[in-house]
Amino acid sequence: ISKEKYFRKLNNYESYLVILKNDSTKILVLRENQGKLKKIKQL
């Protein structure tokens, strides 16, 4: 995404977390995640 869109989303700081993957990559991560695992019993 563009730098502008990145900072617009970042304004909602309660929903997103910034991950600095390396010196040249920043990732916006949703702080809450929902899903379903198939092999849950094994885990």
PDB file of all heavy atoms in Angstrom:
ATOM      1  N   ILE A   1       0.843  -1.194   0.000  1.00  0.00           N
ATOM      2  CA  ILE A   1       0.000   0.000   0.000  1.00  0.00           C
ATOM      3  C   ILE A   1       0.881   1.248   0.000  1.00  0.00           C
ATOM      4  O   ILE A   1       2.079   1.183   0.278  1.00  0.00           O
ATOM      5  CB  ILE A   1      -0.950   0.036   1.225  1.00  0.00           C
ATOM      6  CG1 ILE A   1      -0.148  -0.039   2.525  1.00  0.00           C
ATOM      7  CG2 ILE A   1      -1.974  -1.074   1.151  1.00  0.00           C
ATOM      8  CD1 ILE A   1      -0.990   0.098   3.783  1.00  0.00           C
ATOM      9  N   SER A   2       0.262   2.385  -0.302  1.00  0.00           N
ATOM     10  CA  SER A   2       1.007   3.637  -0.338  1.00  0.00           C
ATOM     11  C   SER A   2       1.314   4.108   1.078  1.00  0.00           C
ATOM     12  O   SER A   2       0.658   3.700   2.044  1.00  0.00           O
ATOM     13  CB  SER A   2       0.201   4.714  -1.060  1.00  0.00           C
ATOM     14  OG  SER A   2      -0.949   5.060  -0.303  1.00  0.00           O
ATOM     15  N   LYS A   3       2.294   4.977   1.185  1.00  0.00           N
ATOM     16  CA  LYS A   3       2.654   5.548   2.481  1.00  0.00           C
ATOM     17  C   LYS A   3       1.470   6.298   3.076  1.00  0.00           C
ATOM     18  O   LYS A   3       1.208   6.219   4.282  1.00  0.00           O
ATOM     19  CB  LYS A   3       3.846   6.488   2.300  1.00  0.00           C
ATOM     20  CG  LYS A   3       4.354   7.101   3.585  1.00  0.00           C
ATOM     21  CD  LYS A   3       5.559   7.993   3.314  1.00  0.00           C
ATOM     22  CE  LYS A   3       6.066   8.634   4.601  1.00  0.00           C
ATOM     23  NZ  LYS A   3       7.253   9.492   4.344  1.00  0.00           N
ATOM     24  N   GLU A   4       0.716   7.018   2.238  1.00  0.00           N
ATOM     25  CA  GLU A   4      -0.426   7.793   2.693  1.00  0.00           C
ATOM     26  C   GLU A   4      -1.506   6.888   3.287  1.00  0.00           C
ATOM     27  O   GLU A   4      -2.063   7.162   4.358  1.00  0.00           O
ATOM     28  CB  GLU A   4      -1.013   8.622   1.548  1.00  0.00           C
ATOM     29  CG  GLU A   4      -0.122   9.756   1.052  1.00  0.00           C
ATOM     30  CD  GLU A   4       1.082   9.274   0.260  1.00  0.00           C
ATOM     31  OE1 GLU A   4       1.017   8.143  -0.289  1.00  0.00           O
ATOM     32  OE2 GLU A   4       2.082  10.016   0.196  1.00  0.00           O
ATOM     33  N   LYS A   5      -1.812   5.788   2.587  1.00  0.00           N
ATOM     34  CA  LYS A   5      -2.829   4.849   3.065  1.00  0.00           C
ATOM     35  C   LYS A   5      -2.366   4.176   4.356  1.00  0.00           C
ATOM     36  O   LYS A   5      -3.163   3.942   5.267  1.00  0.00           O
ATOM     37  CB  LYS A   5      -3.121   3.798   1.993  1.00  0.00           C
ATOM     38  CG  LYS A   5      -4.301   2.903   2.334  1.00  0.00           C
ATOM     39  CD  LYS A   5      -4.663   1.995   1.160  1.00  0.00           C
ATOM     40  CE  LYS A   5      -5.892   1.154   1.496  1.00  0.00           C
ATOM     41  NZ  LYS A   5      -6.258   0.266   0.370  1.00  0.00           N
ATOM     42  N   TYR A   6      -1.075   3.888   4.422  1.00  0.00           N
ATOM     43  CA  TYR A   6      -0.489   3.271   5.615  1.00  0.00           C
ATOM     44  C   TYR A   6      -0.733   4.144   6.845  1.00  0.00           C
ATOM     45  O   TYR A   6      -1.208   3.665   7.881  1.00  0.00           O
ATOM     46  CB  TYR A   6       1.004   3.057   5.378  1.00  0.00           C
ATOM     47  CG  TYR A   6       1.805   2.694   6.600  1.00  0.00           C
ATOM     48  CD1 TYR A   6       1.914   1.371   7.017  1.00  0.00           C
ATOM     49  CD2 TYR A   6       2.462   3.668   7.350  1.00  0.00           C
ATOM     50  CE1 TYR A   6       2.655   1.038   8.139  1.00  0.00           C
ATOM     51  CE2 TYR A   6       3.195   3.348   8.466  1.00  0.00           C
ATOM     52  CZ  TYR A   6       3.302   2.027   8.862  1.00  0.00           C
ATOM     53  OH  TYR A   6       4.028   1.701   9.971  1.00  0.00           O
ATOM     54  N   PHE A   7      -0.453   5.448   6.724  1.00  0.00           N
ATOM     55  CA  PHE A   7      -0.604   6.345   7.864  1.00  0.00           C
ATOM     56  C   PHE A   7      -2.072   6.649   8.173  1.00  0.00           C
ATOM     57  O   PHE A   7      -2.419   6.913   9.325  1.00  0.00           O
ATOM     58  CB  PHE A   7       0.194   7.629   7.648  1.00  0.00           C
ATOM     59  CG  PHE A   7       1.669   7.456   7.929  1.00  0.00           C
ATOM     60  CD1 PHE A   7       2.578   7.349   6.898  1.00  0.00           C
ATOM     61  CD2 PHE A   7       2.121   7.371   9.232  1.00  0.00           C
ATOM     62  CE1 PHE A   7       3.929   7.171   7.168  1.00  0.00           C
ATOM     63  CE2 PHE A   7       3.465   7.191   9.513  1.00  0.00           C
ATOM     64  CZ  PHE A   7       4.376   7.089   8.472  1.00  0.00           C
ATOM     65  N   ARG A   8      -2.935   6.589   7.157  1.00  0.00           N
ATOM     66  CA  ARG A   8      -4.369   6.755   7.422  1.00  0.00           C
ATOM     67  C   ARG A   8      -4.879   5.604   8.286  1.00  0.00           C
ATOM     68  O   ARG A   8      -5.632   5.810   9.234  1.00  0.00           O
ATOM     69  CB  ARG A   8      -5.159   6.817   6.103  1.00  0.00           C
ATOM     70  CG  ARG A   8      -5.114   8.156   5.403  1.00  0.00           C
ATOM     71  CD  ARG A   8      -6.293   8.327   4.454  1.00  0.00           C
ATOM     72  NE  ARG A   8      -6.396   7.250   3.489  1.00  0.00           N
ATOM     73  CZ  ARG A   8      -5.768   7.240   2.309  1.00  0.00           C
ATOM     74  NH1 ARG A   8      -4.990   8.259   1.961  1.00  0.00           N
ATOM     75  NH2 ARG A   8      -5.929   6.230   1.473  1.00  0.00           N
ATOM     76  N   LYS A   9      -4.459   4.393   7.929  1.00  0.00           N
ATOM     77  CA  LYS A   9      -4.874   3.231   8.702  1.00  0.00           C
ATOM     78  C   LYS A   9      -4.266   3.262  10.108  1.00  0.00           C
ATOM     79  O   LYS A   9      -4.897   2.884  11.090  1.00  0.00           O
ATOM     80  CB  LYS A   9      -4.437   1.944   7.989  1.00  0.00           C
ATOM     81  CG  LYS A   9      -5.301   1.560   6.789  1.00  0.00           C
ATOM     82  CD  LYS A   9      -4.763   0.298   6.135  1.00  0.00           C
ATOM     83  CE  LYS A   9      -5.685  -0.225   5.057  1.00  0.00           C
ATOM     84  NZ  LYS A   9      -6.888  -0.872   5.588  1.00  0.00           N
ATOM     85  N   LEU A  10      -3.035   3.739  10.184  1.00  0.00           N
ATOM     86  CA  LEU A  10      -2.324   3.761  11.455  1.00  0.00           C
ATOM     87  C   LEU A  10      -2.977   4.698  12.467  1.00  0.00           C
ATOM     88  O   LEU A  10      -2.797   4.548  13.669  1.00  0.00           O
ATOM     89  CB  LEU A  10      -0.869   4.178  11.230  1.00  0.00           C
ATOM     90  CG  LEU A  10       0.095   3.992  12.414  1.00  0.00           C
ATOM     91  CD1 LEU A  10       0.098   2.538  12.874  1.00  0.00           C
ATOM     92  CD2 LEU A  10       1.500   4.414  12.019  1.00  0.00           C
ATOM     93  N   ASN A  11      -3.754   5.660  11.979  1.00  0.00           N
ATOM     94  CA  ASN A  11      -4.473   6.565  12.878  1.00  0.00           C
ATOM     95  C   ASN A  11      -5.405   5.805  13.812  1.00  0.00           C
ATOM     96  O   ASN A  11      -5.695   6.232  14.917  1.00  0.00           O
ATOM     97  CB  ASN A  11      -5.278   7.605  12.082  1.00  0.00           C
ATOM     98  CG  ASN A  11      -4.384   8.686  11.496  1.00  0.00           C
ATOM     99  OD1 ASN A  11      -3.317   8.964  12.015  1.00  0.00           O
ATOM    100  ND2 ASN A  11      -4.820   9.296  10.404  1.00  0.00           N
ATOM    101  N   ASN A  12      -5.878   4.651  13.326  1.00  0.00           N
ATOM    102  CA  ASN A  12      -6.718   3.786  14.160  1.00  0.00           C
ATOM    103  C   ASN A  12      -5.796   2.850  14.948  1.00  0.00           C
ATOM    104  O   ASN A  12      -5.758   1.647  14.735  1.00  0.00           O
ATOM    105  CB  ASN A  12      -7.679   2.980  13.283  1.00  0.00           C
ATOM    106  CG  ASN A  12      -8.749   2.276  14.102  1.00  0.00           C
ATOM    107  OD1 ASN A  12      -8.747   2.322  15.329  1.00  0.00           O
ATOM    108  ND2 ASN A  12      -9.655   1.622  13.421  1.00  0.00           N
ATOM    109  N   TYR A  13      -5.026   3.435  15.872  1.00  0.00           N
ATOM    110  CA  TYR A  13      -3.954   2.710  16.546  1.00  0.00           C
ATOM    111  C   TYR A  13      -4.442   1.553  17.403  1.00  0.00           C
ATOM    112  O   TYR A  13      -3.691   0.612  17.682  1.00  0.00           O
ATOM    113  CB  TYR A  13      -3.118   3.678  17.403  1.00  0.00           C
ATOM    114  CG  TYR A  13      -3.863   4.260  18.575  1.00  0.00           C
ATOM    115  CD1 TYR A  13      -3.783   3.672  19.828  1.00  0.00           C
ATOM    116  CD2 TYR A  13      -4.658   5.398  18.431  1.00  0.00           C
ATOM    117  CE1 TYR A  13      -4.473   4.194  20.907  1.00  0.00           C
ATOM    118  CE2 TYR A  13      -5.346   5.923  19.506  1.00  0.00           C
ATOM    119  CZ  TYR A  13      -5.254   5.326  20.737  1.00  0.00           C
ATOM    120  OH  TYR A  13      -5.943   5.838  21.796  1.00  0.00           O
ATOM    121  N   GLU A  14      -5.696   1.595  17.832  1.00  0.00           N
ATOM    122  CA  GLU A  14      -6.198   0.517  18.682  1.00  0.00           C
ATOM    123  C   GLU A  14      -6.435  -0.765  17.885  1.00  0.00           C
ATOM    124  O   GLU A  14      -6.464  -1.852  18.453  1.00  0.00           O
ATOM    125  CB  GLU A  14      -7.489   0.949  19.369  1.00  0.00           C
ATOM    126  CG  GLU A  14      -7.282   2.032  20.422  1.00  0.00           C
ATOM    127  CD  GLU A  14      -8.559   2.383  21.153  1.00  0.00           C
ATOM    128  OE1 GLU A  14      -9.630   1.916  20.711  1.00  0.00           O
ATOM    129  OE2 GLU A  14      -8.490   3.095  22.154  1.00  0.00           O
ATOM    130  N   SER A  15      -6.608  -0.622  16.570  1.00  0.00           N
ATOM    131  CA  SER A  15      -6.893  -1.786  15.731  1.00  0.00           C
ATOM    132  C   SER A  15      -5.650  -2.371  15.076  1.00  0.00           C
ATOM    133  O   SER A  15      -5.645  -3.536  14.681  1.00  0.00           O
ATOM    134  CB  SER A  15      -7.902  -1.418  14.634  1.00  0.00           C
ATOM    135  OG  SER A  15      -9.127  -1.017  15.198  1.00  0.00           O
ATOM    136  N   TYR A  16      -4.609  -1.551  14.933  1.00  0.00           N
ATOM    137  CA  TYR A  16      -3.427  -1.996  14.197  1.00  0.00           C
ATOM    138  C   TYR A  16      -2.159  -1.948  15.033  1.00  0.00           C
ATOM    139  O   TYR A  16      -2.018  -1.150  15.955  1.00  0.00           O
ATOM    140  CB  TYR A  16      -3.217  -1.123  12.953  1.00  0.00           C
ATOM    141  CG  TYR A  16      -4.251  -1.333  11.873  1.00  0.00           C
ATOM    142  CD1 TYR A  16      -5.350  -0.491  11.766  1.00  0.00           C
ATOM    143  CD2 TYR A  16      -4.140  -2.378  10.969  1.00  0.00           C
ATOM    144  CE1 TYR A  16      -6.308  -0.681  10.780  1.00  0.00           C
ATOM    145  CE2 TYR A  16      -5.093  -2.586   9.978  1.00  0.00           C
ATOM    146  CZ  TYR A  16      -6.171  -1.728   9.893  1.00  0.00           C
ATOM    147  OH  TYR A  16      -7.118  -1.920   8.923  1.00  0.00           O
ATOM    148  N   LEU A  17      -1.236  -2.821  14.650  1.00  0.00           N
ATOM    149  CA  LEU A  17       0.081  -2.877  15.253  1.00  0.00           C
ATOM    150  C   LEU A  17       1.094  -2.813  14.119  1.00  0.00           C
ATOM    151  O   LEU A  17       0.892  -3.406  13.060  1.00  0.00           O
ATOM    152  CB  LEU A  17       0.230  -4.201  16.019  1.00  0.00           C
ATOM    153  CG  LEU A  17       1.384  -4.348  16.994  1.00  0.00           C
ATOM    154  CD1 LEU A  17       1.216  -3.402  18.176  1.00  0.00           C
ATOM    155  CD2 LEU A  17       1.433  -5.791  17.502  1.00  0.00           C
ATOM    156  N   VAL A  18       2.194  -2.087  14.322  1.00  0.00           N
ATOM    157  CA  VAL A  18       3.223  -1.962  13.285  1.00  0.00           C
ATOM    158  C   VAL A  18       4.299  -3.019  13.505  1.00  0.00           C
ATOM    159  O   VAL A  18       4.844  -3.157  14.600  1.00  0.00           O
ATOM    160  CB  VAL A  18       3.870  -0.562  13.309  1.00  0.00           C
ATOM    161  CG1 VAL A  18       5.000  -0.493  12.281  1.00  0.00           C
ATOM    162  CG2 VAL A  18       2.841   0.507  13.010  1.00  0.00           C
ATOM    163  N   ILE A  19       4.593  -3.755  12.453  1.00  0.00           N
ATOM    164  CA  ILE A  19       5.679  -4.726  12.485  1.00  0.00           C
ATOM    165  C   ILE A  19       6.771  -4.243  11.542  1.00  0.00           C
ATOM    166  O   ILE A  19       6.526  -4.033  10.348  1.00  0.00           O
ATOM    167  CB  ILE A  19       5.214  -6.129  12.037  1.00  0.00           C
ATOM    168  CG1 ILE A  19       4.086  -6.632  12.942  1.00  0.00           C
ATOM    169  CG2 ILE A  19       6.379  -7.112  12.020  1.00  0.00           C
ATOM    170  CD1 ILE A  19       4.473  -6.824  14.381  1.00  0.00           C
ATOM    171  N   LEU A  20       7.969  -4.031  12.070  1.00  0.00           N
ATOM    172  CA  LEU A  20       9.106  -3.668  11.229  1.00  0.00           C
ATOM    173  C   LEU A  20       9.790  -4.965  10.819  1.00  0.00           C
ATOM    174  O   LEU A  20      10.573  -5.536  11.572  1.00  0.00           O
ATOM    175  CB  LEU A  20      10.078  -2.766  11.996  1.00  0.00           C
ATOM    176  CG  LEU A  20      11.240  -2.180  11.194  1.00  0.00           C
ATOM    177  CD1 LEU A  20      10.732  -1.265  10.084  1.00  0.00           C
ATOM    178  CD2 LEU A  20      12.190  -1.418  12.113  1.00  0.00           C
ATOM    179  N   LYS A  21       9.441  -5.442   9.626  1.00  0.00           N
ATOM    180  CA  LYS A  21       9.957  -6.729   9.165  1.00  0.00           C
ATOM    181  C   LYS A  21      11.455  -6.662   8.921  1.00  0.00           C
ATOM    182  O   LYS A  21      12.197  -7.592   9.217  1.00  0.00           O
ATOM    183  CB  LYS A  21       9.220  -7.151   7.885  1.00  0.00           C
ATOM    184  CG  LYS A  21       9.504  -8.583   7.464  1.00  0.00           C
ATOM    185  CD  LYS A  21       8.637  -8.978   6.283  1.00  0.00           C
ATOM    186  CE  LYS A  21       8.868 -10.425   5.892  1.00  0.00           C
ATOM    187  NZ  LYS A  21       8.043 -10.830   4.729  1.00  0.00           N
ATOM    188  N   ASN A  22      11.900  -5.566   8.347  1.00  0.00           N
ATOM    189  CA  ASN A  22      13.321  -5.296   8.152  1.00  0.00           C
ATOM    190  C   ASN A  22      13.496  -3.788   7.981  1.00  0.00           C
ATOM    191  O   ASN A  22      12.552  -3.031   8.199  1.00  0.00           O
ATOM    192  CB  ASN A  22      13.880  -6.081   6.938  1.00  0.00           C
ATOM    193  CG  ASN A  22      13.041  -5.879   5.687  1.00  0.00           C
ATOM    194  OD1 ASN A  22      12.741  -4.753   5.303  1.00  0.00           O
ATOM    195  ND2 ASN A  22      12.635  -6.978   5.053  1.00  0.00           N
ATOM    196  N   ASP A  23      14.683  -3.359   7.593  1.00  0.00           N
ATOM    197  CA  ASP A  23      14.964  -1.918   7.492  1.00  0.00           C
ATOM    198  C   ASP A  23      14.147  -1.210   6.421  1.00  0.00           C
ATOM    199  O   ASP A  23      14.078   0.026   6.401  1.00  0.00           O
ATOM    200  CB  ASP A  23      16.453  -1.685   7.217  1.00  0.00           C
ATOM    201  CG  ASP A  23      17.316  -2.057   8.413  1.00  0.00           C
ATOM    202  OD1 ASP A  23      16.757  -2.104   9.529  1.00  0.00           O
ATOM    203  OD2 ASP A  23      18.515  -2.301   8.234  1.00  0.00           O
ATOM    204  N   SER A  24      13.554  -1.959   5.529  1.00  0.00           N
ATOM    205  CA  SER A  24      12.839  -1.318   4.420  1.00  0.00           C
ATOM    206  C   SER A  24      11.385  -1.771   4.282  1.00  0.00           C
ATOM    207  O   SER A  24      10.730  -1.467   3.292  1.00  0.00           O
ATOM    208  CB  SER A  24      13.575  -1.587   3.101  1.00  0.00           C
ATOM    209  OG  SER A  24      13.634  -2.973   2.838  1.00  0.00           O
ATOM    210  N   THR A  25      10.873  -2.504   5.264  1.00  0.00           N
ATOM    211  CA  THR A  25       9.500  -3.018   5.166  1.00  0.00           C
ATOM    212  C   THR A  25       8.734  -2.846   6.474  1.00  0.00           C
ATOM    213  O   THR A  25       9.166  -3.326   7.517  1.00  0.00           O
ATOM    214  CB  THR A  25       9.503  -4.518   4.789  1.00  0.00           C
ATOM    215  OG1 THR A  25      10.256  -4.714   3.600  1.00  0.00           O
ATOM    216  CG2 THR A  25       8.075  -5.012   4.569  1.00  0.00           C
ATOM    217  N   LYS A  26       7.610  -2.152   6.397  1.00  0.00           N
ATOM    218  CA  LYS A  26       6.717  -2.011   7.541  1.00  0.00           C
ATOM    219  C   LYS A  26       5.377  -2.660   7.208  1.00  0.00           C
ATOM    220  O   LYS A  26       4.839  -2.461   6.124  1.00  0.00           O
ATOM    221  CB  LYS A  26       6.504  -0.535   7.890  1.00  0.00           C
ATOM    222  CG  LYS A  26       7.712   0.123   8.536  1.00  0.00           C
ATOM    223  CD  LYS A  26       7.393   1.550   8.964  1.00  0.00           C
ATOM    224  CE  LYS A  26       8.579   2.182   9.682  1.00  0.00           C
ATOM    225  NZ  LYS A  26       8.288   3.566  10.120  1.00  0.00           N
ATOM    226  N   ILE A  27       4.854  -3.423   8.155  1.00  0.00           N
ATOM    227  CA  ILE A  27       3.592  -4.131   7.954  1.00  0.00           C
ATOM    228  C   ILE A  27       2.590  -3.708   9.013  1.00  0.00           C
ATOM    229  O   ILE A  27       2.904  -3.692  10.207  1.00  0.00           O
ATOM    230  CB  ILE A  27       3.800  -5.657   8.021  1.00  0.00           C
ATOM    231  CG1 ILE A  27       4.859  -6.103   7.009  1.00  0.00           C
ATOM    232  CG2 ILE A  27       2.499  -6.401   7.790  1.00  0.00           C
ATOM    233  CD1 ILE A  27       5.272  -7.553   7.154  1.00  0.00           C
ATOM    234  N   LEU A  28       1.390  -3.368   8.563  1.00  0.00           N
ATOM    235  CA  LEU A  28       0.295  -3.082   9.492  1.00  0.00           C
ATOM    236  C   LEU A  28      -0.440  -4.392   9.777  1.00  0.00           C
ATOM    237  O   LEU A  28      -0.918  -5.049   8.860  1.00  0.00           O
ATOM    238  CB  LEU A  28      -0.679  -2.079   8.876  1.00  0.00           C
ATOM    239  CG  LEU A  28      -0.382  -0.597   9.048  1.00  0.00           C
ATOM    240  CD1 LEU A  28      -1.474   0.210   8.363  1.00  0.00           C
ATOM    241  CD2 LEU A  28      -0.289  -0.202  10.511  1.00  0.00           C
ATOM    242  N   VAL A  29      -0.515  -4.742  11.028  1.00  0.00           N
ATOM    243  CA  VAL A  29      -1.164  -5.995  11.407  1.00  0.00           C
ATOM    244  C   VAL A  29      -2.399  -5.688  12.241  1.00  0.00           C
ATOM    245  O   VAL A  29      -2.336  -4.902  13.195  1.00  0.00           O
ATOM    246  CB  VAL A  29      -0.192  -6.874  12.227  1.00  0.00           C
ATOM    247  CG1 VAL A  29      -0.891  -8.137  12.705  1.00  0.00           C
ATOM    248  CG2 VAL A  29       1.028  -7.228  11.402  1.00  0.00           C
ATOM    249  N   LEU A  30      -3.521  -6.285  11.885  1.00  0.00           N
ATOM    250  CA  LEU A  30      -4.719  -6.171  12.720  1.00  0.00           C
ATOM    251  C   LEU A  30      -4.444  -6.836  14.056  1.00  0.00           C
ATOM    252  O   LEU A  30      -3.990  -7.981  14.108  1.00  0.00           O
ATOM    253  CB  LEU A  30      -5.914  -6.839  12.034  1.00  0.00           C
ATOM    254  CG  LEU A  30      -6.605  -6.028  10.943  1.00  0.00           C
ATOM    255  CD1 LEU A  30      -7.572  -6.903  10.166  1.00  0.00           C
ATOM    256  CD2 LEU A  30      -7.344  -4.833  11.545  1.00  0.00           C
ATOM    257  N   ARG A  31      -4.715  -6.133  15.130  1.00  0.00           N
ATOM    258  CA  ARG A  31      -4.363  -6.657  16.444  1.00  0.00           C
ATOM    259  C   ARG A  31      -5.217  -7.856  16.842  1.00  0.00           C
ATOM    260  O   ARG A  31      -4.759  -8.746  17.556  1.00  0.00           O
ATOM    261  CB  ARG A  31      -4.480  -5.555  17.500  1.00  0.00           C
ATOM    262  CG  ARG A  31      -3.580  -4.370  17.213  1.00  0.00           C
ATOM    263  CD  ARG A  31      -3.477  -3.444  18.378  1.00  0.00           C
ATOM    264  NE  ARG A  31      -2.675  -4.052  19.430  1.00  0.00           N
ATOM    265  CZ  ARG A  31      -2.350  -3.423  20.561  1.00  0.00           C
ATOM    266  NH1 ARG A  31      -2.794  -2.203  20.774  1.00  0.00           N
ATOM    267  NH2 ARG A  31      -1.627  -4.018  21.478  1.00  0.00           N
ATOM    268  N   GLU A  32      -6.452  -7.883  16.378  1.00  0.00           N
ATOM    269  CA  GLU A  32      -7.318  -9.021  16.681  1.00  0.00           C
ATOM    270  C   GLU A  32      -7.512  -9.875  15.445  1.00  0.00           C
ATOM    271  O   GLU A  32      -7.717  -9.366  14.348  1.00  0.00           O
ATOM    272  CB  GLU A  32      -8.670  -8.543  17.190  1.00  0.00           C
ATOM    273  CG  GLU A  32      -9.565  -9.689  17.642  1.00  0.00           C
ATOM    274  CD  GLU A  32     -10.907  -9.202  18.169  1.00  0.00           C
ATOM    275  OE1 GLU A  32     -10.971  -8.848  19.356  1.00  0.00           O
ATOM    276  OE2 GLU A  32     -11.862  -9.149  17.384  1.00  0.00           O
ATOM    277  N   ASN A  33      -7.423 -11.165  15.633  1.00  0.00           N
ATOM    278  CA  ASN A  33      -7.547 -12.093  14.509  1.00  0.00           C
ATOM    279  C   ASN A  33      -8.463 -13.250  14.910  1.00  0.00           C
ATOM    280  O   ASN A  33      -8.334 -13.799  16.002  1.00  0.00           O
ATOM    281  CB  ASN A  33      -6.158 -12.621  14.131  1.00  0.00           C
ATOM    282  CG  ASN A  33      -6.190 -13.482  12.885  1.00  0.00           C
ATOM    283  OD1 ASN A  33      -6.981 -13.249  11.982  1.00  0.00           O
ATOM    284  ND2 ASN A  33      -5.330 -14.481  12.834  1.00  0.00           N
ATOM    285  N   GLN A  34      -9.392 -13.591  14.016  1.00  0.00           N
ATOM    286  CA  GLN A  34     -10.287 -14.719  14.267  1.00  0.00           C
ATOM    287  C   GLN A  34     -10.148 -15.738  13.149  1.00  0.00           C
ATOM    288  O   GLN A  34      -9.938 -15.373  11.993  1.00  0.00           O
ATOM    289  CB  GLN A  34     -11.742 -14.245  14.344  1.00  0.00           C
ATOM    290  CG  GLN A  34     -12.018 -13.289  15.477  1.00  0.00           C
ATOM    291  CD  GLN A  34     -13.494 -12.944  15.588  1.00  0.00           C
ATOM    292  OE1 GLN A  34     -14.347 -13.824  15.627  1.00  0.00           O
ATOM    293  NE2 GLN A  34     -13.796 -11.649  15.652  1.00  0.00           N
ATOM    294  N   GLY A  35     -10.257 -16.984  13.507  1.00  0.00           N
ATOM    295  CA  GLY A  35     -10.138 -18.019  12.486  1.00  0.00           C
ATOM    296  C   GLY A  35     -10.517 -19.383  13.032  1.00  0.00           C
ATOM    297  O   GLY A  35     -11.101 -19.512  14.112  1.00  0.00           O
ATOM    298  N   LYS A  36     -10.149 -20.398  12.262  1.00  0.00           N
ATOM    299  CA  LYS A  36     -10.441 -21.774  12.673  1.00  0.00           C
ATOM    300  C   LYS A  36      -9.334 -22.695  12.190  1.00  0.00           C
ATOM    301  O   LYS A  36      -8.931 -22.630  11.024  1.00  0.00           O
ATOM    302  CB  LYS A  36     -11.795 -22.228  12.106  1.00  0.00           C
ATOM    303  CG  LYS A  36     -12.237 -23.587  12.632  1.00  0.00           C
ATOM    304  CD  LYS A  36     -13.678 -23.881  12.294  1.00  0.00           C
ATOM    305  CE  LYS A  36     -14.118 -25.190  12.932  1.00  0.00           C
ATOM    306  NZ  LYS A  36     -15.545 -25.465  12.701  1.00  0.00           N
ATOM    307  N   LEU A  37      -8.838 -23.527  13.101  1.00  0.00           N
ATOM    308  CA  LEU A  37      -7.803 -24.500  12.763  1.00  0.00           C
ATOM    309  C   LEU A  37      -8.431 -25.875  12.570  1.00  0.00           C
ATOM    310  O   LEU A  37      -9.283 -26.288  13.358  1.00  0.00           O
ATOM    311  CB  LEU A  37      -6.756 -24.588  13.876  1.00  0.00           C
ATOM    312  CG  LEU A  37      -5.850 -23.379  14.092  1.00  0.00           C
ATOM    313  CD1 LEU A  37      -4.871 -23.675  15.227  1.00  0.00           C
ATOM    314  CD2 LEU A  37      -5.087 -23.036  12.830  1.00  0.00           C
ATOM    315  N   LYS A  38      -7.994 -26.573  11.533  1.00  0.00           N
ATOM    316  CA  LYS A  38      -8.549 -27.895  11.254  1.00  0.00           C
ATOM    317  C   LYS A  38      -7.999 -28.962  12.206  1.00  0.00           C
ATOM    318  O   LYS A  38      -8.739 -29.808  12.689  1.00  0.00           O
ATOM    319  CB  LYS A  38      -8.255 -28.291   9.813  1.00  0.00           C
ATOM    320  CG  LYS A  38      -9.016 -27.470   8.778  1.00  0.00           C
ATOM    321  CD  LYS A  38      -8.705 -27.944   7.363  1.00  0.00           C
ATOM    322  CE  LYS A  38      -9.490 -27.140   6.330  1.00  0.00           C
ATOM    323  NZ  LYS A  38      -9.185 -27.577   4.941  1.00  0.00           N
ATOM    324  N   LYS A  39      -6.697 -28.913  12.468  1.00  0.00           N
ATOM    325  CA  LYS A  39      -6.063 -29.955  13.276  1.00  0.00           C
ATOM    326  C   LYS A  39      -5.883 -29.514  14.718  1.00  0.00           C
ATOM    327  O   LYS A  39      -4.822 -29.666  15.319  1.00  0.00           O
ATOM    328  CB  LYS A  39      -4.720 -30.331  12.658  1.00  0.00           C
ATOM    329  CG  LYS A  39      -4.838 -30.924  11.259  1.00  0.00           C
ATOM    330  CD  LYS A  39      -3.486 -31.311  10.707  1.00  0.00           C
ATOM    331  CE  LYS A  39      -3.621 -31.917   9.307  1.00  0.00           C
ATOM    332  NZ  LYS A  39      -2.300 -32.306   8.739  1.00  0.00           N
ATOM    333  N   ILE A  40      -6.940 -28.971  15.292  1.00  0.00           N
ATOM    334  CA  ILE A  40      -6.846 -28.417  16.634  1.00  0.00           C
ATOM    335  C   ILE A  40      -6.610 -29.499  17.691  1.00  0.00           C
ATOM    336  O   ILE A  40      -5.861 -29.287  18.657  1.00  0.00           O
ATOM    337  CB  ILE A  40      -8.112 -27.590  16.970  1.00  0.00           C
ATOM    338  CG1 ILE A  40      -7.920 -26.873  18.315  1.00  0.00           C
ATOM    339  CG2 ILE A  40      -9.354 -28.461  16.962  1.00  0.00           C
ATOM    340  CD1 ILE A  40      -6.771 -25.902  18.354  1.00  0.00           C
ATOM    341  N   LYS A  41      -7.238 -30.645  17.540  1.00  0.00           N
ATOM    342  CA  LYS A  41      -7.070 -31.700  18.535  1.00  0.00           C
ATOM    343  C   LYS A  41      -5.618 -32.158  18.588  1.00  0.00           C
ATOM    344  O   LYS A  41      -5.050 -32.363  19.669  1.00  0.00           O
ATOM    345  CB  LYS A  41      -7.987 -32.890  18.230  1.00  0.00           C
ATOM    346  CG  LYS A  41      -7.991 -33.943  19.333  1.00  0.00           C
ATOM    347  CD  LYS A  41      -9.018 -35.034  19.073  1.00  0.00           C
ATOM    348  CE  LYS A  41      -9.034 -36.045  20.213  1.00  0.00           C
ATOM    349  NZ  LYS A  41     -10.042 -37.118  19.993  1.00  0.00           N
ATOM    350  N   GLN A  42      -5.008 -32.313  17.422  1.00  0.00           N
ATOM    351  CA  GLN A  42      -3.607 -32.711  17.347  1.00  0.00           C
ATOM    352  C   GLN A  42      -2.710 -31.659  18.007  1.00  0.00           C
ATOM    353  O   GLN A  42      -1.785 -31.994  18.751  1.00  0.00           O
ATOM    354  CB  GLN A  42      -3.199 -32.892  15.881  1.00  0.00           C
ATOM    355  CG  GLN A  42      -1.754 -33.322  15.686  1.00  0.00           C
ATOM    356  CD  GLN A  42      -1.399 -33.449  14.210  1.00  0.00           C
ATOM    357  OE1 GLN A  42      -2.267 -33.652  13.361  1.00  0.00           O
ATOM    358  NE2 GLN A  42      -0.123 -33.326  13.903  1.00  0.00           N
ATOM    359  N   LEU A  43      -3.012 -30.393  17.757  1.00  0.00           N
ATOM    360  CA  LEU A  43      -2.231 -29.312  18.355  1.00  0.00           C
ATOM    361  C   LEU A  43      -2.332 -29.344  19.876  1.00  0.00           C
ATOM    362  O   LEU A  43      -1.317 -29.286  20.588  1.00  0.00           O
ATOM    363  CB  LEU A  43      -2.716 -27.959  17.821  1.00  0.00           C
ATOM    364  CG  LEU A  43      -1.985 -26.697  18.292  1.00  0.00           C
ATOM    365  CD1 LEU A  43      -2.030 -25.612  17.213  1.00  0.00           C
ATOM    366  CD2 LEU A  43      -2.596 -26.123  19.583  1.00  0.00           C
TER     367      LEU A  43
END
